[in-house]
Amino acid sequence: YQRREHGGSYLLPTPAAQWVSENRGVCIIGAFLCNMFAGQLLSTGAFEVTCNDTLVFSKIQQGRMIHIDDLRRLISQVAQ
């Protein structure tokens, strides 16, 4: 694993850290594209989460975005 310079915790396995280091441009472009894609999904108003074919959350039905802690709780309830 690759050590972080200022904290000493492990972030990535050494081969993955080396690949990221050698391909920083690809990683930046990939992160940018993922962010654009996520922004488009959220801007349409259509954001739904299902678990085991059960609708857990719908942004359209609720009229709001869900907080991640609430989403975790709802998913764990459905998954049991």
Foldseek 3Di string as FASTA:
>chain_A
DDADPPPGDDDDDPVVVVVCVVPVVVVVVVVVVVVVVVVVCVVVQFDWDDDPNHTQDTCVVVVHDDDPVSSVVSNVVVVD
